[in-house]
C-alpha atoms as a PDB file:
ATOM      1  CA  MET A   1      -6.132 -42.043  22.023  1.00  0.00           C
ATOM      2  CA  PRO A   2      -3.065 -42.824  19.915  1.00  0.00           C
ATOM      3  CA  GLU A   3      -0.370 -44.354  22.104  1.00  0.00           C
ATOM      4  CA  SER A   4       2.633 -44.329  19.809  1.00  0.00           C
ATOM      5  CA  SER A   5       4.233 -41.929  17.389  1.00  0.00           C
ATOM      6  CA  ARG A   6       3.380 -44.343  14.554  1.00  0.00           C
ATOM      7  CA  GLU A   7      -0.303 -44.122  15.511  1.00  0.00           C
ATOM      8  CA  TRP A   8      -0.054 -40.309  15.628  1.00  0.00           C
ATOM      9  CA  ALA A   9       1.448 -40.301  12.136  1.00  0.00           C
ATOM     10  CA  ALA A  10      -1.254 -42.662  10.872  1.00  0.00           C
ATOM     11  CA  LEU A  11      -3.964 -40.436  12.358  1.00  0.00           C
ATOM     12  CA  ALA A  12      -2.558 -37.328  10.666  1.00  0.00           C
ATOM     13  CA  ALA A  13      -2.231 -39.204   7.364  1.00  0.00           C
ATOM     14  CA  HIS A  14      -5.806 -40.544   7.540  1.00  0.00           C
ATOM     15  CA  VAL A  15      -7.224 -37.103   8.258  1.00  0.00           C
ATOM     16  CA  ALA A  16      -5.229 -35.632   5.367  1.00  0.00           C
ATOM     17  CA  GLU A  17      -6.617 -38.264   3.006  1.00  0.00           C
ATOM     18  CA  GLU A  18     -10.187 -37.868   4.283  1.00  0.00           C
ATOM     19  CA  LYS A  19      -9.982 -34.128   3.662  1.00  0.00           C
ATOM     20  CA  LYS A  20      -8.753 -34.593   0.085  1.00  0.00           C
ATOM     21  CA  GLY A  21      -5.053 -34.065   0.714  1.00  0.00           C
ATOM     22  CA  GLU A  22      -2.957 -35.287  -2.200  1.00  0.00           C
ATOM     23  CA  HIS A  23       0.014 -37.657  -2.286  1.00  0.00           C
ATOM     24  CA  VAL A  24       0.067 -38.417   1.442  1.00  0.00           C
ATOM     25  CA  VAL A  25       3.385 -39.995   2.445  1.00  0.00           C
ATOM     26  CA  VAL A  26       4.610 -41.081   5.870  1.00  0.00           C
ATOM     27  CA  LEU A  27       8.376 -41.392   6.298  1.00  0.00           C
ATOM     28  CA  ASP A  28       9.935 -43.389   9.134  1.00  0.00           C
ATOM     29  CA  MET A  29      12.690 -41.039  10.278  1.00  0.00           C
ATOM     30  CA  ARG A  30      13.932 -43.051  13.272  1.00  0.00           C
ATOM     31  CA  GLU A  31      17.021 -44.435  11.500  1.00  0.00           C
ATOM     32  CA  VAL A  32      18.021 -41.220   9.704  1.00  0.00           C
ATOM     33  CA  THR A  33      17.592 -38.330  12.164  1.00  0.00           C
ATOM     34  CA  LEU A  34      16.854 -37.442  15.764  1.00  0.00           C
ATOM     35  CA  VAL A  35      14.488 -34.641  14.678  1.00  0.00           C
ATOM     36  CA  ALA A  36      11.352 -36.810  14.717  1.00  0.00           C
ATOM     37  CA  ASP A  37      10.190 -40.409  14.495  1.00  0.00           C
ATOM     38  CA  TYR A  38       7.897 -39.751  11.526  1.00  0.00           C
ATOM     39  CA  PHE A  39       7.277 -37.110   8.884  1.00  0.00           C
ATOM     40  CA  VAL A  40       3.834 -36.898   7.344  1.00  0.00           C
ATOM     41  CA  ILE A  41       3.946 -35.097   3.998  1.00  0.00           C
ATOM     42  CA  VAL A  42       0.816 -33.984   2.151  1.00  0.00           C
ATOM     43  CA  SER A  43      -0.054 -31.647  -0.700  1.00  0.00           C
ATOM     44  CA  GLY A  44      -2.934 -29.265  -1.243  1.00  0.00           C
ATOM     45  CA  HIS A  45      -3.869 -27.514  -4.472  1.00  0.00           C
ATOM     46  CA  THR A  46      -4.065 -23.998  -3.008  1.00  0.00           C
ATOM     47  CA  THR A  47      -2.998 -22.087   0.094  1.00  0.00           C
ATOM     48  CA  ILE A  48      -6.644 -22.233   1.211  1.00  0.00           C
ATOM     49  CA  GLN A  49      -6.624 -26.032   1.030  1.00  0.00           C
ATOM     50  CA  VAL A  50      -3.247 -26.178   2.787  1.00  0.00           C
ATOM     51  CA  ALA A  51      -4.669 -24.114   5.675  1.00  0.00           C
ATOM     52  CA  ALA A  52      -7.835 -26.233   5.801  1.00  0.00           C
ATOM     53  CA  LEU A  53      -5.833 -29.469   5.901  1.00  0.00           C
ATOM     54  CA  ALA A  54      -3.699 -28.083   8.739  1.00  0.00           C
ATOM     55  CA  GLU A  55      -6.809 -27.094  10.679  1.00  0.00           C
ATOM     56  CA  HIS A  56      -8.416 -30.522  10.275  1.00  0.00           C
ATOM     57  CA  ILE A  57      -5.244 -32.314  11.313  1.00  0.00           C
ATOM     58  CA  GLU A  58      -4.795 -30.011  14.314  1.00  0.00           C
ATOM     59  CA  ASP A  59      -8.401 -30.641  15.400  1.00  0.00           C
ATOM     60  CA  ALA A  60      -8.106 -34.426  15.072  1.00  0.00           C
ATOM     61  CA  MET A  61      -4.787 -34.588  16.890  1.00  0.00           C
ATOM     62  CA  LYS A  62      -6.092 -32.369  19.699  1.00  0.00           C
ATOM     63  CA  ALA A  63      -9.225 -34.535  20.013  1.00  0.00           C
ATOM     64  CA  ALA A  64      -6.937 -37.574  20.285  1.00  0.00           C
ATOM     65  CA  GLY A  65      -4.949 -35.924  23.080  1.00  0.00           C
ATOM     66  CA  VAL A  66      -1.825 -35.183  21.029  1.00  0.00           C
ATOM     67  CA  SER A  67      -0.351 -31.771  21.855  1.00  0.00           C
ATOM     68  CA  LEU A  68       0.869 -29.410  19.163  1.00  0.00           C
ATOM     69  CA  LEU A  69       4.290 -28.133  20.192  1.00  0.00           C
ATOM     70  CA  HIS A  70       4.857 -25.637  17.400  1.00  0.00           C
ATOM     71  CA  LYS A  71       3.262 -24.434  14.186  1.00  0.00           C
ATOM     72  CA  VAL A  72       5.024 -22.642  11.343  1.00  0.00           C
ATOM     73  CA  GLY A  73       2.986 -20.988   8.610  1.00  0.00           C
ATOM     74  CA  GLY A  74      -0.479 -19.511   8.495  1.00  0.00           C
ATOM     75  CA  ASP A  75      -3.598 -19.107   6.392  1.00  0.00           C
ATOM     76  CA  LYS A  76      -1.853 -17.912   3.230  1.00  0.00           C
ATOM     77  CA  SER A  77       1.231 -20.115   3.497  1.00  0.00           C
ATOM     78  CA  HIS A  78       2.479 -22.472   0.826  1.00  0.00           C
ATOM     79  CA  TRP A  79       3.995 -24.700   3.536  1.00  0.00           C
ATOM     80  CA  ILE A  80       2.582 -25.293   7.014  1.00  0.00           C
ATOM     81  CA  LEU A  81       4.558 -27.354   9.502  1.00  0.00           C
ATOM     82  CA  LEU A  82       2.846 -28.913  12.520  1.00  0.00           C
ATOM     83  CA  ASP A  83       5.329 -30.143  15.127  1.00  0.00           C
ATOM     84  CA  TYR A  84       4.041 -32.810  17.501  1.00  0.00           C
ATOM     85  CA  GLY A  85       7.515 -33.759  18.712  1.00  0.00           C
ATOM     86  CA  ALA A  86       7.823 -37.331  17.512  1.00  0.00           C
ATOM     87  CA  VAL A  87       5.684 -36.542  14.455  1.00  0.00           C
ATOM     88  CA  VAL A  88       6.136 -33.579  12.140  1.00  0.00           C
ATOM     89  CA  VAL A  89       3.429 -32.876   9.568  1.00  0.00           C
ATOM     90  CA  HIS A  90       4.406 -30.955   6.421  1.00  0.00           C
ATOM     91  CA  ILE A  91       1.526 -29.584   4.339  1.00  0.00           C
ATOM     92  CA  PHE A  92       2.574 -28.027   1.043  1.00  0.00           C
ATOM     93  CA  THR A  93       1.106 -26.570  -2.084  1.00  0.00           C
ATOM     94  CA  GLU A  94       2.082 -28.841  -4.966  1.00  0.00           C
ATOM     95  CA  GLU A  95       4.664 -26.395  -6.338  1.00  0.00           C
ATOM     96  CA  GLU A  96       6.301 -25.888  -2.948  1.00  0.00           C
ATOM     97  CA  ARG A  97       6.427 -29.639  -2.336  1.00  0.00           C
ATOM     98  CA  ARG A  98       8.178 -30.220  -5.663  1.00  0.00           C
ATOM     99  CA  TYR A  99      10.667 -27.458  -4.843  1.00  0.00           C
ATOM    100  CA  TYR A 100      11.671 -28.778  -1.399  1.00  0.00           C
ATOM    101  CA  ASP A 101      11.248 -32.475  -2.349  1.00  0.00           C
ATOM    102  CA  LEU A 102      11.499 -33.830   1.197  1.00  0.00           C
ATOM    103  CA  GLU A 103      11.060 -37.385  -0.030  1.00  0.00           C
ATOM    104  CA  ARG A 104      14.307 -37.069  -2.020  1.00  0.00           C
ATOM    105  CA  LEU A 105      16.076 -35.070   0.697  1.00  0.00           C
ATOM    106  CA  TRP A 106      15.253 -37.769   3.242  1.00  0.00           C
ATOM    107  CA  GLY A 107      15.591 -40.595   0.702  1.00  0.00           C
ATOM    108  CA  ASP A 108      17.167 -42.931   3.265  1.00  0.00           C
ATOM    109  CA  ALA A 109      13.945 -42.960   5.282  1.00  0.00           C
ATOM    110  CA  ASP A 110      11.518 -45.847   4.783  1.00  0.00           C
ATOM    111  CA  ILE A 111       8.046 -45.079   3.489  1.00  0.00           C
ATOM    112  CA  VAL A 112       5.414 -46.340   5.925  1.00  0.00           C
ATOM    113  CA  THR A 113       2.198 -47.895   4.703  1.00  0.00           C
ATOM    114  CA  PHE A 114      -0.812 -47.248   6.879  1.00  0.00           C
ATOM    115  CA  SER A 115      -4.349 -48.593   6.814  1.00  0.00           C
END
């Protein structure tokens, strides 16, 4: 069971990569906002892939004992947000990700490497 928000973020990022999510980025938000400790950002090619990535991440987090607090977006969404409190997962279609450009918006946040 993940014990820290960093481990939760790493778990979500690993699952996204395993399930063919593209351009997985983890941002350390602790110094720039009180909203969350970490943002996990991932792209999918289609709304179907975005929904599938969200489902896989939800399943893995639930299996690890991490509770989903809120979900925004559904099966045909171009952006699904999974709110785990300290970790927020953003799953976008590529076009939507370019439009919102969270990495630029939160450019003061450090990018976290995970293994």
